[in-house]
PDB file of N, CA and C in Angstrom:
ATOM      1  N   MET A   1     236.928  15.949  66.288  1.00  0.00           N
ATOM      2  CA  MET A   1     235.672  15.418  66.747  1.00  0.00           C
ATOM      3  C   MET A   1     234.524  15.834  65.831  1.00  0.00           C
ATOM      4  N   LYS A   2     234.590  17.082  65.340  1.00  0.00           N
ATOM      5  CA  LYS A   2     233.543  17.574  64.454  1.00  0.00           C
ATOM      6  C   LYS A   2     233.523  16.789  63.147  1.00  0.00           C
ATOM      7  N   LYS A   3     234.701  16.463  62.645  1.00  0.00           N
ATOM      8  CA  LYS A   3     234.769  15.688  61.401  1.00  0.00           C
ATOM      9  C   LYS A   3     234.212  14.289  61.613  1.00  0.00           C
ATOM     10  N   TYR A   4     234.465  13.731  62.774  1.00  0.00           N
ATOM     11  CA  TYR A   4     233.963  12.390  63.095  1.00  0.00           C
ATOM     12  C   TYR A   4     232.429  12.388  63.155  1.00  0.00           C
ATOM     13  N   CYS A   5     231.844  13.384  63.803  1.00  0.00           N
ATOM     14  CA  CYS A   5     230.379  13.494  63.894  1.00  0.00           C
ATOM     15  C   CYS A   5     229.761  13.733  62.515  1.00  0.00           C
ATOM     16  N   ALA A   6     230.407  14.554  61.702  1.00  0.00           N
ATOM     17  CA  ALA A   6     229.903  14.820  60.355  1.00  0.00           C
ATOM     18  C   ALA A   6     229.937  13.554  59.513  1.00  0.00           C
ATOM     19  N   ALA A   7     230.985  12.738  59.672  1.00  0.00           N
ATOM     20  CA  ALA A   7     231.079  11.489  58.914  1.00  0.00           C
ATOM     21  C   ALA A   7     229.970  10.518  59.306  1.00  0.00           C
ATOM     22  N   ILE A   8     229.634  10.463  60.583  1.00  0.00           N
ATOM     23  CA  ILE A   8     228.558   9.573  61.043  1.00  0.00           C
ATOM     24  C   ILE A   8     227.208  10.033  60.492  1.00  0.00           C
ATOM     25  N   LEU A   9     226.974  11.340  60.508  1.00  0.00           N
ATOM     26  CA  LEU A   9     225.712  11.862  59.972  1.00  0.00           C
ATOM     27  C   LEU A   9     225.580  11.617  58.479  1.00  0.00           C
ATOM     28  N   MET A  10     226.677  11.645  57.755  1.00  0.00           N
ATOM     29  CA  MET A  10     226.648  11.400  56.318  1.00  0.00           C
ATOM     30  C   MET A  10     226.319   9.949  55.992  1.00  0.00           C
ATOM     31  N   CYS A  11     226.583   9.039  56.928  1.00  0.00           N
ATOM     32  CA  CYS A  11     226.351   7.617  56.702  1.00  0.00           C
ATOM     33  C   CYS A  11     224.901   7.200  56.955  1.00  0.00           C
ATOM     34  N   LEU A  12     224.093   8.094  57.545  1.00  0.00           N
ATOM     35  CA  LEU A  12     222.697   7.751  57.797  1.00  0.00           C
ATOM     36  C   LEU A  12     221.961   7.555  56.475  1.00  0.00           C
ATOM     37  N   PRO A  13     221.018   6.630  56.438  1.00  0.00           N
ATOM     38  CA  PRO A  13     220.292   6.398  55.186  1.00  0.00           C
ATOM     39  C   PRO A  13     219.434   7.593  54.806  1.00  0.00           C
ATOM     40  N   LEU A  14     219.332   7.829  53.519  1.00  0.00           N
ATOM     41  CA  LEU A  14     218.512   8.938  53.035  1.00  0.00           C
ATOM     42  C   LEU A  14     217.026   8.653  53.221  1.00  0.00           C
ATOM     43  N   GLY A  15     216.651   7.411  53.364  1.00  0.00           N
ATOM     44  CA  GLY A  15     215.255   7.046  53.555  1.00  0.00           C
ATOM     45  C   GLY A  15     214.696   7.507  54.882  1.00  0.00           C
ATOM     46  N   ALA A  16     215.530   7.908  55.794  1.00  0.00           N
ATOM     47  CA  ALA A  16     215.056   8.374  57.091  1.00  0.00           C
ATOM     48  C   ALA A  16     214.258   9.671  56.966  1.00  0.00           C
ATOM     49  N   MET A  17     214.430  10.384  55.889  1.00  0.00           N
ATOM     50  CA  MET A  17     213.721  11.636  55.681  1.00  0.00           C
ATOM     51  C   MET A  17     212.369  11.422  55.008  1.00  0.00           C
ATOM     52  N   ALA A  18     212.006  10.199  54.691  1.00  0.00           N
ATOM     53  CA  ALA A  18     210.767   9.904  53.974  1.00  0.00           C
ATOM     54  C   ALA A  18     209.558  10.184  54.849  1.00  0.00           C
ATOM     55  N   TYR A  19     208.443  10.491  54.197  1.00  0.00           N
ATOM     56  CA  TYR A  19     207.193  10.738  54.908  1.00  0.00           C
ATOM     57  C   TYR A  19     206.367   9.456  54.951  1.00  0.00           C
ATOM     58  N   PRO A  20     205.459   9.334  55.935  1.00  0.00           N
ATOM     59  CA  PRO A  20     204.630   8.129  56.016  1.00  0.00           C
ATOM     60  C   PRO A  20     203.553   8.124  54.932  1.00  0.00           C
ATOM     61  N   ILE A  21     203.243   6.944  54.430  1.00  0.00           N
ATOM     62  CA  ILE A  21     202.220   6.773  53.396  1.00  0.00           C
ATOM     63  C   ILE A  21     201.200   5.768  53.900  1.00  0.00           C
ATOM     64  N   ASP A  22     199.939   6.190  53.972  1.00  0.00           N
ATOM     65  CA  ASP A  22     198.835   5.304  54.346  1.00  0.00           C
ATOM     66  C   ASP A  22     198.048   4.968  53.094  1.00  0.00           C
ATOM     67  N   VAL A  23     197.797   3.685  52.871  1.00  0.00           N
ATOM     68  CA  VAL A  23     197.041   3.246  51.698  1.00  0.00           C
ATOM     69  C   VAL A  23     195.794   2.514  52.167  1.00  0.00           C
ATOM     70  N   GLU A  24     194.659   2.952  51.640  1.00  0.00           N
ATOM     71  CA  GLU A  24     193.377   2.314  51.911  1.00  0.00           C
ATOM     72  C   GLU A  24     192.884   1.761  50.581  1.00  0.00           C
ATOM     73  N   LYS A  25     192.621   0.453  50.529  1.00  0.00           N
ATOM     74  CA  LYS A  25     192.221  -0.125  49.251  1.00  0.00           C
ATOM     75  C   LYS A  25     190.860  -0.793  49.371  1.00  0.00           C
ATOM     76  N   GLU A  26     190.098  -0.664  48.297  1.00  0.00           N
ATOM     77  CA  GLU A  26     188.802  -1.322  48.178  1.00  0.00           C
ATOM     78  C   GLU A  26     188.784  -2.000  46.807  1.00  0.00           C
ATOM     79  N   LEU A  27     188.962  -3.314  46.829  1.00  0.00           N
ATOM     80  CA  LEU A  27     189.048  -4.085  45.590  1.00  0.00           C
ATOM     81  C   LEU A  27     187.811  -4.961  45.467  1.00  0.00           C
ATOM     82  N   THR A  28     187.124  -4.836  44.349  1.00  0.00           N
ATOM     83  CA  THR A  28     185.922  -5.609  44.124  1.00  0.00           C
ATOM     84  C   THR A  28     186.122  -6.505  42.909  1.00  0.00           C
ATOM     85  N   GLY A  29     186.360  -7.780  43.136  1.00  0.00           N
ATOM     86  CA  GLY A  29     186.458  -8.740  42.032  1.00  0.00           C
ATOM     87  C   GLY A  29     187.751  -8.707  41.243  1.00  0.00           C
ATOM     88  N   VAL A  30     188.798  -8.085  41.752  1.00  0.00           N
ATOM     89  CA  VAL A  30     190.089  -8.064  41.054  1.00  0.00           C
ATOM     90  C   VAL A  30     191.197  -8.481  42.011  1.00  0.00           C
ATOM     91  N   LYS A  31     192.252  -9.061  41.455  1.00  0.00           N
ATOM     92  CA  LYS A  31     193.437  -9.435  42.236  1.00  0.00           C
ATOM     93  C   LYS A  31     194.503  -8.389  41.961  1.00  0.00           C
ATOM     94  N   LEU A  32     194.587  -7.433  42.875  1.00  0.00           N
ATOM     95  CA  LEU A  32     195.462  -6.297  42.675  1.00  0.00           C
ATOM     96  C   LEU A  32     196.345  -6.118  43.899  1.00  0.00           C
ATOM     97  N   ASP A  33     197.597  -5.764  43.677  1.00  0.00           N
ATOM     98  CA  ASP A  33     198.540  -5.464  44.743  1.00  0.00           C
ATOM     99  C   ASP A  33     199.141  -4.095  44.448  1.00  0.00           C
ATOM    100  N   TYR A  34     199.740  -3.478  45.446  1.00  0.00           N
ATOM    101  CA  TYR A  34     200.291  -2.135  45.255  1.00  0.00           C
ATOM    102  C   TYR A  34     201.631  -1.993  45.960  1.00  0.00           C
ATOM    103  N   THR A  35     202.385  -1.003  45.500  1.00  0.00           N
ATOM    104  CA  THR A  35     203.611  -0.570  46.156  1.00  0.00           C
ATOM    105  C   THR A  35     203.599   0.950  46.146  1.00  0.00           C
ATOM    106  N   ALA A  36     203.556   1.557  47.332  1.00  0.00           N
ATOM    107  CA  ALA A  36     203.548   3.019  47.439  1.00  0.00           C
ATOM    108  C   ALA A  36     204.941   3.502  47.804  1.00  0.00           C
ATOM    109  N   TYR A  37     205.338   4.618  47.224  1.00  0.00           N
ATOM    110  CA  TYR A  37     206.661   5.164  47.507  1.00  0.00           C
ATOM    111  C   TYR A  37     206.674   6.662  47.273  1.00  0.00           C
ATOM    112  N   ASP A  38     207.672   7.322  47.846  1.00  0.00           N
ATOM    113  CA  ASP A  38     207.834   8.761  47.665  1.00  0.00           C
ATOM    114  C   ASP A  38     208.913   9.023  46.627  1.00  0.00           C
ATOM    115  N   THR A  39     208.554   9.812  45.645  1.00  0.00           N
ATOM    116  CA  THR A  39     209.474  10.129  44.567  1.00  0.00           C
ATOM    117  C   THR A  39     210.302  11.363  44.913  1.00  0.00           C
ATOM    118  N   ALA A  40     209.638  12.369  45.468  1.00  0.00           N
ATOM    119  CA  ALA A  40     210.296  13.612  45.876  1.00  0.00           C
ATOM    120  C   ALA A  40     209.528  14.169  47.066  1.00  0.00           C
ATOM    121  N   TYR A  41     209.970  15.306  47.574  1.00  0.00           N
ATOM    122  CA  TYR A  41     209.330  15.869  48.761  1.00  0.00           C
ATOM    123  C   TYR A  41     207.892  16.315  48.501  1.00  0.00           C
ATOM    124  N   ASP A  42     207.521  16.548  47.237  1.00  0.00           N
ATOM    125  CA  ASP A  42     206.171  16.997  46.913  1.00  0.00           C
ATOM    126  C   ASP A  42     205.468  16.093  45.896  1.00  0.00           C
ATOM    127  N   ILE A  43     206.008  14.906  45.646  1.00  0.00           N
ATOM    128  CA  ILE A  43     205.415  13.966  44.682  1.00  0.00           C
ATOM    129  C   ILE A  43     205.219  12.615  45.353  1.00  0.00           C
ATOM    130  N   GLY A  44     204.008  12.084  45.264  1.00  0.00           N
ATOM    131  CA  GLY A  44     203.705  10.753  45.764  1.00  0.00           C
ATOM    132  C   GLY A  44     203.416   9.829  44.599  1.00  0.00           C
ATOM    133  N   ALA A  45     203.689   8.541  44.761  1.00  0.00           N
ATOM    134  CA  ALA A  45     203.493   7.595  43.675  1.00  0.00           C
ATOM    135  C   ALA A  45     203.055   6.244  44.221  1.00  0.00           C
ATOM    136  N   ILE A  46     202.351   5.495  43.381  1.00  0.00           N
ATOM    137  CA  ILE A  46     201.936   4.141  43.718  1.00  0.00           C
ATOM    138  C   ILE A  46     201.983   3.311  42.437  1.00  0.00           C
ATOM    139  N   THR A  47     202.425   2.072  42.572  1.00  0.00           N
ATOM    140  CA  THR A  47     202.434   1.138  41.448  1.00  0.00           C
ATOM    141  C   THR A  47     201.353   0.099  41.703  1.00  0.00           C
ATOM    142  N   LEU A  48     200.442  -0.064  40.752  1.00  0.00           N
ATOM    143  CA  LEU A  48     199.370  -1.043  40.858  1.00  0.00           C
ATOM    144  C   LEU A  48     199.717  -2.246  39.991  1.00  0.00           C
ATOM    145  N   ASN A  49     199.721  -3.440  40.588  1.00  0.00           N
ATOM    146  CA  ASN A  49     200.021  -4.687  39.878  1.00  0.00           C
ATOM    147  C   ASN A  49     198.763  -5.537  39.819  1.00  0.00           C
ATOM    148  N   ASN A  50     198.340  -5.892  38.613  1.00  0.00           N
ATOM    149  CA  ASN A  50     197.148  -6.720  38.429  1.00  0.00           C
ATOM    150  C   ASN A  50     197.590  -8.157  38.195  1.00  0.00           C
ATOM    151  N   TYR A  51     197.298  -9.040  39.167  1.00  0.00           N
ATOM    152  CA  TYR A  51     197.670 -10.445  39.060  1.00  0.00           C
ATOM    153  C   TYR A  51     196.523 -11.312  38.561  1.00  0.00           C
ATOM    154  N   GLY A  52     195.372 -10.727  38.318  1.00  0.00           N
ATOM    155  CA  GLY A  52     194.204 -11.486  37.883  1.00  0.00           C
ATOM    156  C   GLY A  52     194.146 -11.671  36.377  1.00  0.00           C
ATOM    157  N   GLN A  53     193.057 -12.295  35.929  1.00  0.00           N
ATOM    158  CA  GLN A  53     192.831 -12.550  34.510  1.00  0.00           C
ATOM    159  C   GLN A  53     191.924 -11.497  33.884  1.00  0.00           C
ATOM    160  N   VAL A  54     191.449 -10.549  34.693  1.00  0.00           N
ATOM    161  CA  VAL A  54     190.488  -9.541  34.240  1.00  0.00           C
ATOM    162  C   VAL A  54     191.123  -8.153  34.362  1.00  0.00           C
ATOM    163  N   PRO A  55     190.965  -7.286  33.341  1.00  0.00           N
ATOM    164  CA  PRO A  55     191.460  -5.917  33.465  1.00  0.00           C
ATOM    165  C   PRO A  55     190.714  -5.173  34.577  1.00  0.00           C
ATOM    166  N   ALA A  56     191.377  -4.242  35.221  1.00  0.00           N
ATOM    167  CA  ALA A  56     190.787  -3.495  36.335  1.00  0.00           C
ATOM    168  C   ALA A  56     190.705  -2.006  35.999  1.00  0.00           C
ATOM    169  N   ALA A  57     189.577  -1.401  36.379  1.00  0.00           N
ATOM    170  CA  ALA A  57     189.394   0.037  36.265  1.00  0.00           C
ATOM    171  C   ALA A  57     189.548   0.606  37.674  1.00  0.00           C
ATOM    172  N   CYS A  58     190.533   1.474  37.871  1.00  0.00           N
ATOM    173  CA  CYS A  58     190.847   1.959  39.215  1.00  0.00           C
ATOM    174  C   CYS A  58     190.739   3.478  39.310  1.00  0.00           C
ATOM    175  N   LYS A  59     190.338   3.913  40.489  1.00  0.00           N
ATOM    176  CA  LYS A  59     190.315   5.331  40.846  1.00  0.00           C
ATOM    177  C   LYS A  59     191.255   5.483  42.029  1.00  0.00           C
ATOM    178  N   VAL A  60     192.295   6.292  41.870  1.00  0.00           N
ATOM    179  CA  VAL A  60     193.299   6.497  42.916  1.00  0.00           C
ATOM    180  C   VAL A  60     193.198   7.948  43.378  1.00  0.00           C
ATOM    181  N   THR A  61     193.024   8.141  44.703  1.00  0.00           N
ATOM    182  CA  THR A  61     192.894   9.470  45.276  1.00  0.00           C
ATOM    183  C   THR A  61     194.068   9.723  46.214  1.00  0.00           C
ATOM    184  N   PHE A  62     194.830  10.774  45.921  1.00  0.00           N
ATOM    185  CA  PHE A  62     195.969  11.178  46.749  1.00  0.00           C
ATOM    186  C   PHE A  62     195.534  12.358  47.619  1.00  0.00           C
ATOM    187  N   ARG A  63     195.787  12.282  48.928  1.00  0.00           N
ATOM    188  CA  ARG A  63     195.450  13.369  49.848  1.00  0.00           C
ATOM    189  C   ARG A  63     196.694  13.785  50.633  1.00  0.00           C
ATOM    190  N   ASN A  64     196.901  15.099  50.688  1.00  0.00           N
ATOM    191  CA  ASN A  64     198.020  15.662  51.454  1.00  0.00           C
ATOM    192  C   ASN A  64     197.492  16.846  52.256  1.00  0.00           C
ATOM    193  N   GLY A  65     196.961  16.569  53.421  1.00  0.00           N
ATOM    194  CA  GLY A  65     196.513  17.626  54.325  1.00  0.00           C
ATOM    195  C   GLY A  65     195.451  18.522  53.729  1.00  0.00           C
ATOM    196  N   PRO A  66     195.644  19.841  53.833  1.00  0.00           N
ATOM    197  CA  PRO A  66     194.586  20.778  53.436  1.00  0.00           C
ATOM    198  C   PRO A  66     194.445  20.985  51.930  1.00  0.00           C
ATOM    199  N   GLU A  67     195.355  20.470  51.137  1.00  0.00           N
ATOM    200  CA  GLU A  67     195.251  20.658  49.688  1.00  0.00           C
ATOM    201  C   GLU A  67     194.107  19.832  49.116  1.00  0.00           C
ATOM    202  N   ALA A  68     193.629  20.235  47.967  1.00  0.00           N
ATOM    203  CA  ALA A  68     192.569  19.491  47.287  1.00  0.00           C
ATOM    204  C   ALA A  68     193.092  18.109  46.895  1.00  0.00           C
ATOM    205  N   PRO A  69     192.264  17.073  47.038  1.00  0.00           N
ATOM    206  CA  PRO A  69     192.711  15.730  46.660  1.00  0.00           C
ATOM    207  C   PRO A  69     192.996  15.647  45.160  1.00  0.00           C
ATOM    208  N   ARG A  70     193.990  14.860  44.816  1.00  0.00           N
ATOM    209  CA  ARG A  70     194.324  14.612  43.404  1.00  0.00           C
ATOM    210  C   ARG A  70     193.743  13.251  43.038  1.00  0.00           C
ATOM    211  N   VAL A  71     192.875  13.208  42.042  1.00  0.00           N
ATOM    212  CA  VAL A  71     192.216  11.964  41.632  1.00  0.00           C
ATOM    213  C   VAL A  71     192.760  11.543  40.277  1.00  0.00           C
ATOM    214  N   ARG A  72     193.163  10.295  40.188  1.00  0.00           N
ATOM    215  CA  ARG A  72     193.656   9.719  38.933  1.00  0.00           C
ATOM    216  C   ARG A  72     192.842   8.468  38.619  1.00  0.00           C
ATOM    217  N   ARG A  73     192.403   8.334  37.383  1.00  0.00           N
ATOM    218  CA  ARG A  73     191.678   7.140  36.941  1.00  0.00           C
ATOM    219  C   ARG A  73     192.562   6.398  35.941  1.00  0.00           C
ATOM    220  N   VAL A  74     192.792   5.126  36.221  1.00  0.00           N
ATOM    221  CA  VAL A  74     193.660   4.325  35.361  1.00  0.00           C
ATOM    222  C   VAL A  74     193.025   2.969  35.099  1.00  0.00           C
ATOM    223  N   ASN A  75     193.389   2.373  33.976  1.00  0.00           N
ATOM    224  CA  ASN A  75     193.007   1.000  33.653  1.00  0.00           C
ATOM    225  C   ASN A  75     194.264   0.147  33.737  1.00  0.00           C
ATOM    226  N   VAL A  76     194.171  -0.952  34.486  1.00  0.00           N
ATOM    227  CA  VAL A  76     195.310  -1.848  34.655  1.00  0.00           C
ATOM    228  C   VAL A  76     194.992  -3.142  33.915  1.00  0.00           C
ATOM    229  N   PRO A  77     195.671  -3.412  32.797  1.00  0.00           N
ATOM    230  CA  PRO A  77     195.417  -4.651  32.053  1.00  0.00           C
ATOM    231  C   PRO A  77     195.783  -5.888  32.877  1.00  0.00           C
ATOM    232  N   ALA A  78     195.193  -7.013  32.537  1.00  0.00           N
ATOM    233  CA  ALA A  78     195.464  -8.266  33.245  1.00  0.00           C
ATOM    234  C   ALA A  78     196.935  -8.635  33.106  1.00  0.00           C
ATOM    235  N   GLY A  79     197.574  -8.947  34.228  1.00  0.00           N
ATOM    236  CA  GLY A  79     198.974  -9.348  34.233  1.00  0.00           C
ATOM    237  C   GLY A  79     199.970  -8.218  34.054  1.00  0.00           C
ATOM    238  N   LYS A  80     199.535  -6.984  34.122  1.00  0.00           N
ATOM    239  CA  LYS A  80     200.420  -5.826  33.914  1.00  0.00           C
ATOM    240  C   LYS A  80     200.451  -4.957  35.164  1.00  0.00           C
ATOM    241  N   SER A  81     201.303  -3.928  35.122  1.00  0.00           N
ATOM    242  CA  SER A  81     201.368  -2.960  36.216  1.00  0.00           C
ATOM    243  C   SER A  81     201.335  -1.544  35.644  1.00  0.00           C
ATOM    244  N   VAL A  82     200.853  -0.609  36.473  1.00  0.00           N
ATOM    245  CA  VAL A  82     200.720   0.787  36.068  1.00  0.00           C
ATOM    246  C   VAL A  82     201.230   1.663  37.208  1.00  0.00           C
ATOM    247  N   ASP A  83     202.003   2.702  36.865  1.00  0.00           N
ATOM    248  CA  ASP A  83     202.465   3.677  37.848  1.00  0.00           C
ATOM    249  C   ASP A  83     201.524   4.879  37.838  1.00  0.00           C
ATOM    250  N   VAL A  84     201.173   5.361  39.023  1.00  0.00           N
ATOM    251  CA  VAL A  84     200.296   6.519  39.170  1.00  0.00           C
ATOM    252  C   VAL A  84     200.997   7.508  40.097  1.00  0.00           C
ATOM    253  N   THR A  85     201.077   8.766  39.682  1.00  0.00           N
ATOM    254  CA  THR A  85     201.764   9.779  40.490  1.00  0.00           C
ATOM    255  C   THR A  85     200.878  11.005  40.683  1.00  0.00           C
ATOM    256  N   ALA A  86     201.211  11.793  41.702  1.00  0.00           N
ATOM    257  CA  ALA A  86     200.528  13.063  41.950  1.00  0.00           C
ATOM    258  C   ALA A  86     201.530  14.051  42.516  1.00  0.00           C
ATOM    259  N   LYS A  87     201.491  15.277  42.007  1.00  0.00           N
ATOM    260  CA  LYS A  87     202.379  16.338  42.485  1.00  0.00           C
ATOM    261  C   LYS A  87     201.542  17.335  43.274  1.00  0.00           C
ATOM    262  N   PHE A  88     202.079  17.761  44.408  1.00  0.00           N
ATOM    263  CA  PHE A  88     201.388  18.710  45.264  1.00  0.00           C
ATOM    264  C   PHE A  88     202.129  20.042  45.279  1.00  0.00           C
ATOM    265  N   ASN A  89     201.442  21.089  45.742  1.00  0.00           N
ATOM    266  CA  ASN A  89     202.039  22.424  45.808  1.00  0.00           C
ATOM    267  C   ASN A  89     202.920  22.598  47.036  1.00  0.00           C
ATOM    268  N   ARG A  90     202.688  21.783  48.068  1.00  0.00           N
ATOM    269  CA  ARG A  90     203.439  21.881  49.318  1.00  0.00           C
ATOM    270  C   ARG A  90     204.228  20.611  49.563  1.00  0.00           C
ATOM    271  N   GLN A  91     205.127  20.699  50.527  1.00  0.00           N
ATOM    272  CA  GLN A  91     205.874  19.509  50.937  1.00  0.00           C
ATOM    273  C   GLN A  91     204.914  18.536  51.612  1.00  0.00           C
ATOM    274  N   ILE A  92     205.056  17.256  51.300  1.00  0.00           N
ATOM    275  CA  ILE A  92     204.194  16.227  51.871  1.00  0.00           C
ATOM    276  C   ILE A  92     204.703  15.884  53.264  1.00  0.00           C
ATOM    277  N   ILE A  93     203.802  15.931  54.238  1.00  0.00           N
ATOM    278  CA  ILE A  93     204.138  15.521  55.598  1.00  0.00           C
ATOM    279  C   ILE A  93     203.632  14.104  55.830  1.00  0.00           C
ATOM    280  N   LYS A  94     202.386  13.838  55.422  1.00  0.00           N
ATOM    281  CA  LYS A  94     201.797  12.499  55.487  1.00  0.00           C
ATOM    282  C   LYS A  94     200.894  12.346  54.280  1.00  0.00           C
ATOM    283  N   LEU A  95     201.098  11.290  53.516  1.00  0.00           N
ATOM    284  CA  LEU A  95     200.330  11.062  52.303  1.00  0.00           C
ATOM    285  C   LEU A  95     199.319   9.946  52.538  1.00  0.00           C
ATOM    286  N   ARG A  96     198.075  10.204  52.140  1.00  0.00           N
ATOM    287  CA  ARG A  96     197.020   9.203  52.226  1.00  0.00           C
ATOM    288  C   ARG A  96     196.557   8.878  50.811  1.00  0.00           C
ATOM    289  N   ILE A  97     196.547   7.599  50.489  1.00  0.00           N
ATOM    290  CA  ILE A  97     196.149   7.164  49.146  1.00  0.00           C
ATOM    291  C   ILE A  97     194.969   6.208  49.280  1.00  0.00           C
ATOM    292  N   ALA A  98     193.895   6.460  48.538  1.00  0.00           N
ATOM    293  CA  ALA A  98     192.731   5.573  48.499  1.00  0.00           C
ATOM    294  C   ALA A  98     192.671   4.945  47.112  1.00  0.00           C
ATOM    295  N   VAL A  99     192.598   3.616  47.056  1.00  0.00           N
ATOM    296  CA  VAL A  99     192.552   2.890  45.791  1.00  0.00           C
ATOM    297  C   VAL A  99     191.225   2.131  45.724  1.00  0.00           C
ATOM    298  N   ASN A 100     190.417   2.444  44.716  1.00  0.00           N
ATOM    299  CA  ASN A 100     189.144   1.758  44.487  1.00  0.00           C
ATOM    300  C   ASN A 100     189.198   1.126  43.102  1.00  0.00           C
ATOM    301  N   CYS A 101     189.097  -0.205  43.056  1.00  0.00           N
ATOM    302  CA  CYS A 101     189.199  -0.920  41.774  1.00  0.00           C
ATOM    303  C   CYS A 101     188.041  -1.899  41.615  1.00  0.00           C
ATOM    304  N   SER A 102     187.635  -2.046  40.358  1.00  0.00           N
ATOM    305  CA  SER A 102     186.608  -3.022  40.005  1.00  0.00           C
ATOM    306  C   SER A 102     186.928  -3.564  38.619  1.00  0.00           C
ATOM    307  N   PRO A 103     186.343  -4.720  38.244  1.00  0.00           N
ATOM    308  CA  PRO A 103     186.625  -5.273  36.918  1.00  0.00           C
ATOM    309  C   PRO A 103     186.103  -4.362  35.822  1.00  0.00           C
ATOM    310  N   GLU A 104     186.776  -4.342  34.695  1.00  0.00           N
ATOM    311  CA  GLU A 104     186.349  -3.529  33.562  1.00  0.00           C
ATOM    312  C   GLU A 104     185.169  -4.139  32.870  1.00  0.00           C
TER     313      GLU A 104
END
């Protein structure tokens, strides 16, 4: 019976251990989409896709509870995508990402 229970637990998806990610975006004059995902227990990441004809200048802020926010500034060329990551000192329980973009 123990082997049977262990086999069932091994079949559970690994994604069940993922933490929730909240994304707040403020886009001014750009056509931008995002995909947020967890890379590791202490690393958060977001991919910014620019579907417009104008390059975008973005400020991405990662927040994980009491730690200081991690701010990344990136330029996303027209029709391209950019990956942005942040590493924290503690395990992420809930990640909040703020994306502010405007035309270059």
